[in-house]
Each structure stands twice: as C-alpha cells, then as structure tokens.
Amino acid sequence: MERERHDTDDDALTALEATLRPLAASTHRPPQKVFRREFQPVQQVVARAGLAGPGGARGGIDVRGDGSTEAWTGRSWRRRLVEQQPGEDAFAALRRVLQSSRR
C-alpha cells in the first residue's frame, strides 16, 4: 500500500491514471480456482486505487484480471460503480463524477 498527497484533485486523478493505465495494459490473468469455484479474469481485482478528498469525496479505479478497469465512488462498504458515458473510459468517468460532486 502506498499513499500520496497532491495539491489538487486534477493532480491526484492524473497520478492515479499514470499508475494504473500501464498496469491495466499489461494485466492478463487466467481463470483462478478457489475452493472449487472458478473466477474468470474479469471477476478478479488485480489492483485497486482510491482517492479521498476534502468534504468526504471518495472514489477510485479497480483493475480487473482481464485488463479492464472500473471506476467507483464511495467507501469500501458502500462502493457504487460509475457508469461510463459514450466515449469515456473508467478514468474519464471517475474524473467527471468527482469533479461534478465538488460543484
């Protein structure tokens, strides 16, 4: 686990993307068996990075075993998936939602 501080939300989102995008591009896990249950790569979370900002704004990105990414908001026990709009990837969707919550 690593922690970083950034002066602005934009800097934090840029750092998060710079860290996770290369990881997602190089991640390709096979299905995994755990106690007779098989988990497909898309069901496996390889990496999770989160942001916590002033005023309680929280969100992050999960990198899945197939290299896909999903954005989420909230805390771990009430995490909500961020729906991507046409032309958006998970990073852009997270940026949109977190920046709109500041207004």
C-alpha atoms as a PDB file:
ATOM      1  CA  MET A   1       0.000   0.000   0.000  1.00  0.00           C
ATOM      2  CA  GLU A   2       1.244   3.440  -0.890  1.00  0.00           C
ATOM      3  CA  ARG A   3      -0.101   6.879  -0.051  1.00  0.00           C
ATOM      4  CA  GLU A   4       0.494  10.118  -1.876  1.00  0.00           C
ATOM      5  CA  ARG A   5      -0.676  13.679  -1.355  1.00  0.00           C
ATOM      6  CA  HIS A   6      -1.462  16.032  -4.202  1.00  0.00           C
ATOM      7  CA  ASP A   7      -2.232  19.736  -4.239  1.00  0.00           C
ATOM      8  CA  THR A   8      -5.290  19.478  -6.485  1.00  0.00           C
ATOM      9  CA  ASP A   9      -7.916  16.905  -7.425  1.00  0.00           C
ATOM     10  CA  ASP A  10      -6.700  17.067 -11.001  1.00  0.00           C
ATOM     11  CA  ASP A  11      -3.131  16.219  -9.944  1.00  0.00           C
ATOM     12  CA  ALA A  12      -4.418  13.266  -7.894  1.00  0.00           C
ATOM     13  CA  LEU A  13      -6.524  11.934 -10.770  1.00  0.00           C
ATOM     14  CA  THR A  14      -3.616  12.327 -13.195  1.00  0.00           C
ATOM     15  CA  ALA A  15      -1.286  10.414 -10.841  1.00  0.00           C
ATOM     16  CA  LEU A  16      -3.858   7.660 -10.367  1.00  0.00           C
ATOM     17  CA  GLU A  17      -4.219   7.256 -14.128  1.00  0.00           C
ATOM     18  CA  ALA A  18      -0.450   7.306 -14.709  1.00  0.00           C
ATOM     19  CA  THR A  19      -0.039   4.489 -12.211  1.00  0.00           C
ATOM     20  CA  LEU A  20      -2.928   2.245 -13.221  1.00  0.00           C
ATOM     21  CA  ARG A  21      -3.159   2.609 -17.020  1.00  0.00           C
ATOM     22  CA  PRO A  22       0.178   0.786 -17.691  1.00  0.00           C
ATOM     23  CA  LEU A  23      -0.766  -1.904 -15.168  1.00  0.00           C
ATOM     24  CA  ALA A  24      -4.124  -2.471 -16.867  1.00  0.00           C
ATOM     25  CA  ALA A  25      -2.458  -2.707 -20.278  1.00  0.00           C
ATOM     26  CA  SER A  26      -0.108  -5.462 -19.083  1.00  0.00           C
ATOM     27  CA  THR A  27      -2.576  -7.477 -16.972  1.00  0.00           C
ATOM     28  CA  HIS A  28      -3.900 -10.757 -18.365  1.00  0.00           C
ATOM     29  CA  ARG A  29      -4.650 -13.329 -15.689  1.00  0.00           C
ATOM     30  CA  PRO A  30      -6.024 -16.807 -16.301  1.00  0.00           C
ATOM     31  CA  PRO A  31      -9.146 -18.062 -14.511  1.00  0.00           C
ATOM     32  CA  GLN A  32      -8.433 -18.908 -10.861  1.00  0.00           C
ATOM     33  CA  LYS A  33      -9.952 -21.703  -8.785  1.00  0.00           C
ATOM     34  CA  VAL A  34     -10.647 -21.067  -5.115  1.00  0.00           C
ATOM     35  CA  PHE A  35     -12.422 -23.733  -3.078  1.00  0.00           C
ATOM     36  CA  ARG A  36     -13.925 -25.404  -6.176  1.00  0.00           C
ATOM     37  CA  ARG A  37     -15.200 -22.106  -7.517  1.00  0.00           C
ATOM     38  CA  GLU A  38     -13.699 -20.672 -10.673  1.00  0.00           C
ATOM     39  CA  PHE A  39     -13.228 -16.924 -11.008  1.00  0.00           C
ATOM     40  CA  GLN A  40     -12.911 -15.532 -14.516  1.00  0.00           C
ATOM     41  CA  PRO A  41     -10.302 -12.783 -15.095  1.00  0.00           C
ATOM     42  CA  VAL A  42     -12.973 -10.046 -15.189  1.00  0.00           C
ATOM     43  CA  GLN A  43     -14.087 -11.142 -11.687  1.00  0.00           C
ATOM     44  CA  GLN A  44     -10.590 -10.750 -10.229  1.00  0.00           C
ATOM     45  CA  VAL A  45      -9.422  -7.411  -8.864  1.00  0.00           C
ATOM     46  CA  VAL A  46      -5.694  -7.181  -9.553  1.00  0.00           C
ATOM     47  CA  ALA A  47      -5.232  -3.646  -8.231  1.00  0.00           C
ATOM     48  CA  ARG A  48      -7.393  -1.049  -6.532  1.00  0.00           C
ATOM     49  CA  ALA A  49      -6.521   2.612  -6.095  1.00  0.00           C
ATOM     50  CA  GLY A  50      -8.668   5.119  -4.288  1.00  0.00           C
ATOM     51  CA  LEU A  51      -8.855   8.842  -3.748  1.00  0.00           C
ATOM     52  CA  ALA A  52     -10.076  10.681  -0.679  1.00  0.00           C
ATOM     53  CA  GLY A  53     -10.628  14.374  -0.970  1.00  0.00           C
ATOM     54  CA  PRO A  54     -11.879  17.219   1.143  1.00  0.00           C
ATOM     55  CA  GLY A  55     -15.535  17.125   2.059  1.00  0.00           C
ATOM     56  CA  GLY A  56     -15.650  13.324   2.066  1.00  0.00           C
ATOM     57  CA  ALA A  57     -15.407  12.811  -1.704  1.00  0.00           C
ATOM     58  CA  ARG A  58     -14.137   9.290  -2.358  1.00  0.00           C
ATOM     59  CA  GLY A  59     -13.659   7.194  -5.444  1.00  0.00           C
ATOM     60  CA  GLY A  60     -11.228   5.025  -7.303  1.00  0.00           C
ATOM     61  CA  ILE A  61     -10.423   2.549 -10.017  1.00  0.00           C
ATOM     62  CA  ASP A  62     -10.264  -1.258  -9.998  1.00  0.00           C
ATOM     63  CA  VAL A  63      -8.016  -3.037 -12.495  1.00  0.00           C
ATOM     64  CA  ARG A  64      -9.511  -6.429 -13.368  1.00  0.00           C
ATOM     65  CA  GLY A  65      -7.672  -9.615 -14.298  1.00  0.00           C
ATOM     66  CA  ASP A  66      -8.525  -9.175 -17.976  1.00  0.00           C
ATOM     67  CA  GLY A  67      -7.011  -5.674 -18.051  1.00  0.00           C
ATOM     68  CA  SER A  68     -10.347  -3.877 -17.913  1.00  0.00           C
ATOM     69  CA  THR A  69     -10.917  -1.011 -15.489  1.00  0.00           C
ATOM     70  CA  GLU A  70     -13.948   0.083 -13.482  1.00  0.00           C
ATOM     71  CA  ALA A  71     -14.489   3.351 -11.681  1.00  0.00           C
ATOM     72  CA  TRP A  72     -16.321   3.516  -8.371  1.00  0.00           C
ATOM     73  CA  THR A  73     -17.330   6.053  -5.757  1.00  0.00           C
ATOM     74  CA  GLY A  74     -17.980   5.760  -2.058  1.00  0.00           C
ATOM     75  CA  ARG A  75     -16.285   3.812   0.681  1.00  0.00           C
ATOM     76  CA  SER A  76     -15.482   0.125   0.661  1.00  0.00           C
ATOM     77  CA  TRP A  77     -18.735  -0.992   2.292  1.00  0.00           C
ATOM     78  CA  ARG A  78     -20.905   1.209   0.031  1.00  0.00           C
ATOM     79  CA  ARG A  79     -18.988   1.284  -3.213  1.00  0.00           C
ATOM     80  CA  ARG A  80     -21.028   2.262  -6.288  1.00  0.00           C
ATOM     81  CA  LEU A  81     -19.963   1.557  -9.840  1.00  0.00           C
ATOM     82  CA  VAL A  82     -19.634   4.660 -12.042  1.00  0.00           C
ATOM     83  CA  GLU A  83     -21.455   4.214 -15.331  1.00  0.00           C
ATOM     84  CA  GLN A  84     -19.363   5.242 -18.295  1.00  0.00           C
ATOM     85  CA  GLN A  85     -20.862   7.561 -20.861  1.00  0.00           C
ATOM     86  CA  PRO A  86     -20.222   7.072 -24.600  1.00  0.00           C
ATOM     87  CA  GLY A  87     -16.587   7.805 -25.420  1.00  0.00           C
ATOM     88  CA  GLU A  88     -15.444   7.609 -21.793  1.00  0.00           C
ATOM     89  CA  ASP A  89     -13.101   5.150 -20.175  1.00  0.00           C
ATOM     90  CA  ALA A  90     -13.089   4.454 -16.430  1.00  0.00           C
ATOM     91  CA  PHE A  91     -10.577   7.237 -15.746  1.00  0.00           C
ATOM     92  CA  ALA A  92     -12.651   9.873 -17.548  1.00  0.00           C
ATOM     93  CA  ALA A  93     -15.833   8.649 -15.846  1.00  0.00           C
ATOM     94  CA  LEU A  94     -14.254   8.943 -12.398  1.00  0.00           C
ATOM     95  CA  ARG A  95     -12.911  12.402 -13.203  1.00  0.00           C
ATOM     96  CA  ARG A  96     -16.382  13.531 -14.382  1.00  0.00           C
ATOM     97  CA  VAL A  97     -18.188  12.215 -11.296  1.00  0.00           C
ATOM     98  CA  LEU A  98     -15.699  13.519  -8.743  1.00  0.00           C
ATOM     99  CA  GLN A  99     -15.438  16.936 -10.359  1.00  0.00           C
ATOM    100  CA  SER A 100     -19.229  17.273 -10.602  1.00  0.00           C
ATOM    101  CA  SER A 101     -19.581  16.397  -6.896  1.00  0.00           C
ATOM    102  CA  ARG A 102     -17.438  19.426  -5.977  1.00  0.00           C
ATOM    103  CA  ARG A 103     -19.880  21.860  -7.554  1.00  0.00           C
END
